[in-house]
């Protein structure tokens, strides 16, 4: 079996929920920076990047472990959990394992985009360069004639994969962070239906919208799980009731606007009916990701120049 090269940061199982009878979704992009174009694509043929989670420096049979053993399992577990969520909510039939698998997927979805991976690797490199200056000076002073010219060359000979292994190790730890997953597990969950007379829900390569924290009474997290279904998690039942009581048409318009505004490269729908709406709002208010906020906190340079903090 060939190694997986196309690493999807928006999973195929998730995008498939927007596919039409032709097996395709409608993908909205701005290829020239201004006009939004709509194109029908298969869920498997979009929102991926070659070798995004590859551990560079390892042999080919080991380099794709993050994708094929870790990310693939998270997505598979999440697909099964989502089916249970739709069948069990509201109610008590959802298992703790399913809740945790879905919570882990939500956390993962906020950390896995190309922009996130680029920032994480950059931050690791910046921190390494800062902390290893003493080692460089020591190596230069003690280097023998048989040793590589630079400390970087010496490290590369010891373990050429050390930088990627360290960065992806941090990523896995964050994706499975027990405290964050516990916060999500303890929230009040529900699935809201969108009537046919309302516009359908859109999604994007940045599909989750949440409050700055998940600890205050009014805090919540929302994610479209289909053109007619919305997943909502709230800290307090009162907040859930308030969201449920909003007029569906207004709620959908607000959610779609936020989704389109904060899209990175792609917006997705079932048809191209929403093209004028996407044209108006696409990528107009992109915000900092978790990893960018963490990088800024540690004084690291932000890779994406257009990030709004």
Protein backbone atom coordinates (compact mmCIF):
# COMPACT_ATOMS: atom_id res chain seq x y z
CA UNK A 1 0.00 0.00 0.00
CA UNK A 2 1.37 3.41 -0.97
CA UNK A 3 2.04 5.99 1.71
CA UNK A 4 -0.61 8.75 2.05
CA UNK A 5 0.66 11.91 0.34
CA UNK A 6 -2.42 14.14 0.32
CA UNK A 7 -3.08 15.17 3.92
CA UNK A 8 -6.57 16.61 4.38
CA UNK A 9 -6.87 19.36 6.95
CA UNK A 10 -10.64 19.48 6.40
CA UNK A 11 -11.56 15.77 6.58
CA UNK A 12 -13.30 14.05 3.71
CA UNK A 13 -16.01 12.60 5.98
CA UNK A 14 -16.89 16.13 7.12
CA UNK A 15 -16.97 17.81 3.69
CA UNK A 16 -18.95 14.89 2.27
CA UNK A 17 -21.93 16.10 4.25
CA UNK A 18 -22.25 18.98 1.73
CA UNK A 19 -21.97 16.84 -1.40
CA UNK A 20 -24.78 16.81 -3.94
CA UNK A 21 -26.16 13.98 -6.09
CA UNK A 22 -23.06 14.31 -8.30
CA UNK A 23 -20.82 13.43 -5.34
CA UNK A 24 -19.30 16.92 -5.32
CA UNK A 25 -19.40 20.00 -3.10
CA UNK A 26 -19.34 23.60 -4.27
CA UNK A 27 -15.94 25.15 -3.45
CA UNK A 28 -15.62 28.93 -3.36
CA UNK A 29 -12.16 30.45 -3.83
CA UNK A 30 -10.53 33.76 -4.73
CA UNK A 31 -7.87 32.64 -7.21
CA UNK A 32 -7.02 36.17 -8.34
CA UNK A 33 -7.50 37.86 -4.96
CA UNK A 34 -10.74 39.66 -5.89
CA UNK A 35 -13.47 37.76 -7.67
CA UNK A 36 -14.82 34.65 -5.95
CA UNK A 37 -15.12 31.60 -8.19
CA UNK A 38 -17.38 28.61 -7.56
CA UNK A 39 -16.34 25.14 -8.69
CA UNK A 40 -17.72 21.67 -8.06
CA UNK A 41 -15.10 19.35 -6.60
CA UNK A 42 -15.07 15.98 -4.90
CA UNK A 43 -14.55 16.18 -1.10
CA UNK A 44 -11.40 14.11 -1.54
CA UNK A 45 -10.02 16.60 -4.08
CA UNK A 46 -9.88 19.69 -1.89
CA UNK A 47 -8.61 21.03 1.47
CA UNK A 48 -5.43 18.98 1.44
CA UNK A 49 -1.73 19.66 1.18
CA UNK A 50 0.94 17.15 0.15
CA UNK A 51 2.95 15.85 3.10
CA UNK A 52 1.47 18.39 5.51
CA UNK A 53 2.06 16.16 8.55
CA UNK A 54 5.12 14.35 7.21
CA UNK A 55 8.10 13.94 9.52
CA UNK A 56 10.90 15.09 7.24
CA UNK A 57 14.17 13.27 7.81
CA UNK A 58 12.68 9.85 8.55
CA UNK A 59 12.68 6.90 6.11
CA UNK A 60 9.62 6.84 3.78
CA UNK A 61 8.02 3.95 5.65
CA UNK A 62 8.08 5.98 8.89
CA UNK A 63 7.66 9.57 7.66
CA UNK A 64 3.86 9.43 7.28
CA UNK A 65 3.08 8.01 10.75
CA UNK A 66 1.42 11.23 11.95
CA UNK A 67 -1.04 11.16 9.05
CA UNK A 68 -1.83 7.47 8.70
CA UNK A 69 -1.77 6.40 12.37
CA UNK A 70 -2.76 9.53 14.30
CA UNK A 71 -4.78 11.91 12.13
CA UNK A 72 -6.61 9.13 10.27
CA UNK A 73 -7.73 7.56 13.56
CA UNK A 74 -8.95 10.89 14.94
CA UNK A 75 -11.04 11.47 11.80
CA UNK A 76 -12.39 7.91 11.76
CA UNK A 77 -13.37 8.11 15.45
CA UNK A 78 -14.94 11.53 14.88
CA UNK A 79 -17.05 10.28 11.95
CA UNK A 80 -18.46 7.51 14.14
CA UNK A 81 -19.00 9.90 17.04
CA UNK A 82 -20.84 12.39 14.85
CA UNK A 83 -23.28 9.70 13.73
CA UNK A 84 -24.01 8.94 17.39
CA UNK A 85 -24.34 12.64 18.24
CA UNK A 86 -26.99 13.13 15.59
CA UNK A 87 -28.90 10.06 16.75
CA UNK A 88 -28.58 10.60 20.51
CA UNK A 89 -28.92 14.37 21.04
CA UNK A 90 -30.85 15.59 22.85
CA UNK A 91 -30.78 12.66 25.21
CA UNK A 92 -28.55 10.47 27.32
CA UNK A 93 -27.49 7.82 24.80
CA UNK A 94 -24.13 9.34 23.88
CA UNK A 95 -21.22 7.36 25.34
CA UNK A 96 -18.33 9.04 27.13
CA UNK A 97 -15.94 7.59 24.52
CA UNK A 98 -17.92 9.17 21.69
CA UNK A 99 -18.01 12.52 23.50
CA UNK A 100 -14.27 12.44 23.99
CA UNK A 101 -13.60 11.43 20.38
CA UNK A 102 -15.71 14.34 19.13
CA UNK A 103 -14.09 16.78 21.57
CA UNK A 104 -10.65 15.66 20.44
CA UNK A 105 -11.69 16.18 16.82
CA UNK A 106 -12.90 19.72 17.58
CA UNK A 107 -9.56 20.56 19.21
CA UNK A 108 -7.68 18.98 16.32
CA UNK A 109 -9.69 20.95 13.77
CA UNK A 110 -8.45 24.19 15.30
CA UNK A 111 -4.78 23.16 15.02
CA UNK A 112 -4.30 21.25 11.78
CA UNK A 113 -4.46 23.74 8.89
CA UNK A 114 -1.34 24.56 6.82
CA UNK A 115 -1.18 27.98 8.48
CA UNK A 116 -1.08 26.26 11.90
CA UNK A 117 1.62 23.77 10.92
CA UNK A 118 3.76 26.52 9.38
CA UNK A 119 3.45 28.63 12.53
CA UNK A 120 4.26 25.72 14.85
CA UNK A 121 7.39 24.75 12.91
CA UNK A 122 8.48 28.39 12.70
CA UNK A 123 7.97 28.89 16.44
CA UNK A 124 9.95 25.74 17.23
CA UNK A 125 12.78 26.95 14.98
CA UNK A 126 12.75 30.43 16.52
CA UNK A 127 12.83 29.03 20.04
CA UNK A 128 15.56 26.55 19.13
CA UNK A 129 17.70 29.28 17.57
CA UNK A 130 17.34 31.37 20.70
CA UNK A 131 18.03 28.61 23.21
CA UNK A 132 20.82 26.87 21.29
CA UNK A 133 23.14 29.85 20.99
CA UNK A 134 25.17 28.66 23.97
CA UNK A 135 25.46 25.19 22.41
CA UNK A 136 26.66 26.73 19.14
CA UNK A 137 29.37 28.67 20.93
CA UNK A 138 30.43 25.60 22.91
CA UNK A 139 30.52 23.46 19.78
CA UNK A 140 32.61 26.01 17.89
CA UNK A 141 35.11 26.12 20.75
CA UNK A 142 35.41 22.34 21.11
CA UNK A 143 34.99 21.21 17.47
CA UNK A 144 37.70 18.90 16.17
CA UNK A 145 38.95 18.76 12.60
CA UNK A 146 36.80 15.68 12.00
CA UNK A 147 33.57 17.35 13.11
CA UNK A 148 31.11 19.18 10.81
CA UNK A 149 31.72 22.90 10.33
CA UNK A 150 28.57 24.03 12.12
CA UNK A 151 26.47 22.93 15.05
CA UNK A 152 23.43 22.65 12.74
CA UNK A 153 25.27 20.19 10.49
CA UNK A 154 26.31 18.19 13.54
CA UNK A 155 22.72 17.99 14.80
CA UNK A 156 21.46 17.01 11.36
CA UNK A 157 23.86 14.07 11.34
CA UNK A 158 22.71 12.93 14.77
CA UNK A 159 19.00 12.98 13.89
CA UNK A 160 17.88 14.68 10.66
CA UNK A 161 14.25 14.43 11.79
CA UNK A 162 14.68 16.06 15.20
CA UNK A 163 13.02 19.38 14.29
CA UNK A 164 9.90 17.83 12.73
CA UNK A 165 9.64 15.16 15.44
CA UNK A 166 9.70 17.82 18.12
CA UNK A 167 7.16 20.08 16.39
CA UNK A 168 4.73 17.26 15.56
CA UNK A 169 5.14 15.91 19.09
CA UNK A 170 3.93 19.27 20.42
CA UNK A 171 1.05 19.17 17.95
CA UNK A 172 -0.09 15.74 19.12
CA UNK A 173 0.09 16.82 22.74
CA UNK A 174 -2.08 19.86 22.05
CA UNK A 175 -4.57 17.87 20.00
CA UNK A 176 -5.06 15.41 22.85
CA UNK A 177 -4.84 18.01 25.61
CA UNK A 178 -6.85 16.44 28.47
CA UNK A 179 -7.90 19.72 30.09
CA UNK A 180 -9.27 21.22 26.86
CA UNK A 181 -11.03 17.99 25.92
CA UNK A 182 -12.48 17.80 29.43
CA UNK A 183 -13.86 21.33 29.11
CA UNK A 184 -15.62 20.35 25.89
CA UNK A 185 -16.85 17.04 27.30
CA UNK A 186 -18.51 18.84 30.20
CA UNK A 187 -20.33 21.40 28.04
CA UNK A 188 -23.99 21.17 27.07
CA UNK A 189 -24.29 19.78 23.55
CA UNK A 190 -27.12 19.99 21.05
CA UNK A 191 -27.78 19.74 17.32
CA UNK A 192 -30.02 22.37 15.73
CA UNK A 193 -31.91 21.75 12.50
CA UNK A 194 -32.18 24.42 9.80
CA UNK A 195 -35.59 24.54 8.03
CA UNK A 196 -35.74 24.35 4.24
CA UNK A 197 -37.08 27.90 4.02
CA UNK A 198 -33.78 29.21 5.46
CA UNK A 199 -30.49 29.55 3.63
CA UNK A 200 -28.28 26.45 4.01
CA UNK A 201 -25.27 26.52 6.29
CA UNK A 202 -21.87 27.03 4.72
CA UNK A 203 -18.55 25.72 6.00
CA UNK A 204 -14.90 26.52 5.33
CA UNK A 205 -11.31 25.56 6.00
CA UNK A 206 -11.81 27.29 9.37
CA UNK A 207 -15.15 25.70 10.33
CA UNK A 208 -15.30 26.26 14.10
CA UNK A 209 -16.34 29.47 15.80
CA UNK A 210 -16.03 29.82 19.56
CA UNK A 211 -15.76 32.46 22.25
CA UNK A 212 -12.23 33.42 23.43
CA UNK A 213 -12.56 31.01 26.37
CA UNK A 214 -14.75 28.04 27.26
CA UNK A 215 -15.03 28.72 30.98
CA UNK A 216 -17.48 31.62 31.35
CA UNK A 217 -21.23 31.14 31.66
CA UNK A 218 -21.95 32.72 28.25
CA UNK A 219 -19.22 30.84 26.37
CA UNK A 220 -20.02 28.55 23.44
CA UNK A 221 -18.66 26.71 20.41
CA UNK A 222 -20.47 26.24 17.08
CA UNK A 223 -19.75 24.16 14.01
CA UNK A 224 -21.91 23.45 10.98
CA UNK A 225 -22.11 19.67 10.49
CA UNK A 226 -24.11 19.84 7.29
CA UNK A 227 -26.10 22.32 5.22
CA UNK A 228 -29.10 21.81 7.52
CA UNK A 229 -27.49 20.91 10.84
CA UNK A 230 -25.53 22.90 13.44
CA UNK A 231 -23.57 21.51 16.38
CA UNK A 232 -23.60 23.77 19.45
CA UNK A 233 -21.75 23.36 22.75
CA UNK A 234 -22.37 25.79 25.62
CA UNK A 235 -21.05 26.12 29.15
CA UNK A 236 -24.50 26.72 30.62
CA UNK A 237 -27.93 25.39 29.56
CA UNK A 238 -29.24 28.96 29.58
CA UNK A 239 -26.87 29.90 26.77
CA UNK A 240 -28.00 26.87 24.78
CA UNK A 241 -31.65 27.88 25.24
CA UNK A 242 -30.86 31.42 24.11
CA UNK A 243 -29.21 30.15 20.91
CA UNK A 244 -32.05 27.69 20.28
CA UNK A 245 -34.63 30.45 20.67
CA UNK A 246 -33.11 32.68 17.99
CA UNK A 247 -34.96 32.87 14.71
CA UNK A 248 -33.33 30.26 12.50
CA UNK A 249 -33.03 32.57 9.50
CA UNK A 250 -31.17 35.22 11.51
CA UNK A 251 -29.02 32.63 13.27
CA UNK A 252 -27.99 31.01 9.98
CA UNK A 253 -27.16 34.36 8.36
CA UNK A 254 -25.00 35.33 11.34
CA UNK A 255 -23.20 31.98 11.38
CA UNK A 256 -22.63 32.00 7.62
CA UNK A 257 -21.26 35.52 7.76
CA UNK A 258 -18.74 34.58 10.47
CA UNK A 259 -17.81 31.36 8.65
CA UNK A 260 -17.14 33.16 5.37
CA UNK A 261 -15.36 36.12 6.97
CA UNK A 262 -12.88 33.89 8.78
CA UNK A 263 -12.22 31.44 5.95
CA UNK A 264 -8.56 31.09 5.03
CA UNK A 265 -8.69 29.88 1.40
CA UNK A 266 -11.89 27.90 0.91
CA UNK A 267 -15.61 28.19 1.60
CA UNK A 268 -17.89 25.23 0.88
CA UNK A 269 -21.56 24.82 0.17
CA UNK A 270 -23.91 22.38 -1.51
CA UNK A 271 -24.59 24.64 -4.51
CA UNK A 272 -23.38 27.98 -5.88
CA UNK A 273 -26.57 29.77 -4.77
CA UNK A 274 -24.63 31.61 -2.04
CA UNK A 275 -21.99 33.01 -4.42
CA UNK A 276 -23.02 36.71 -3.99
CA UNK A 277 -22.96 36.29 -0.19
CA UNK A 278 -19.51 34.66 -0.27
CA UNK A 279 -18.25 37.34 -2.67
CA UNK A 280 -19.24 40.04 -0.18
CA UNK A 281 -17.69 38.56 2.96
CA UNK A 282 -14.99 36.03 2.08
CA UNK A 283 -11.84 36.28 4.22
CA UNK A 284 -12.56 39.83 5.38
CA UNK A 285 -11.96 39.25 9.10
CA UNK A 286 -9.53 36.40 9.54
CA UNK A 287 -8.41 36.14 13.15
CA UNK A 288 -5.41 34.65 14.92
CA UNK A 289 -5.34 30.91 15.31
CA UNK A 290 -4.56 29.26 18.65
CA UNK A 291 -0.99 28.59 17.59
CA UNK A 292 -0.50 32.16 16.38
CA UNK A 293 -1.80 33.51 19.68
CA UNK A 294 0.53 31.17 21.55
CA UNK A 295 3.44 32.26 19.36
CA UNK A 296 2.70 35.93 19.99
CA UNK A 297 2.58 35.25 23.72
CA UNK A 298 6.14 33.88 23.52
CA UNK A 299 7.40 36.72 21.33
CA UNK A 300 7.71 34.64 18.16
CA UNK A 301 7.36 36.09 14.69
CA UNK A 302 3.97 35.36 13.10
CA UNK A 303 4.26 33.57 9.78
CA UNK A 304 0.97 34.81 8.27
CA UNK A 305 1.42 38.55 7.59
CA UNK A 306 -2.31 39.27 7.38
CA UNK A 307 -3.25 37.83 10.76
CA UNK A 308 -5.57 40.13 12.73
CA UNK A 309 -5.08 39.83 16.46
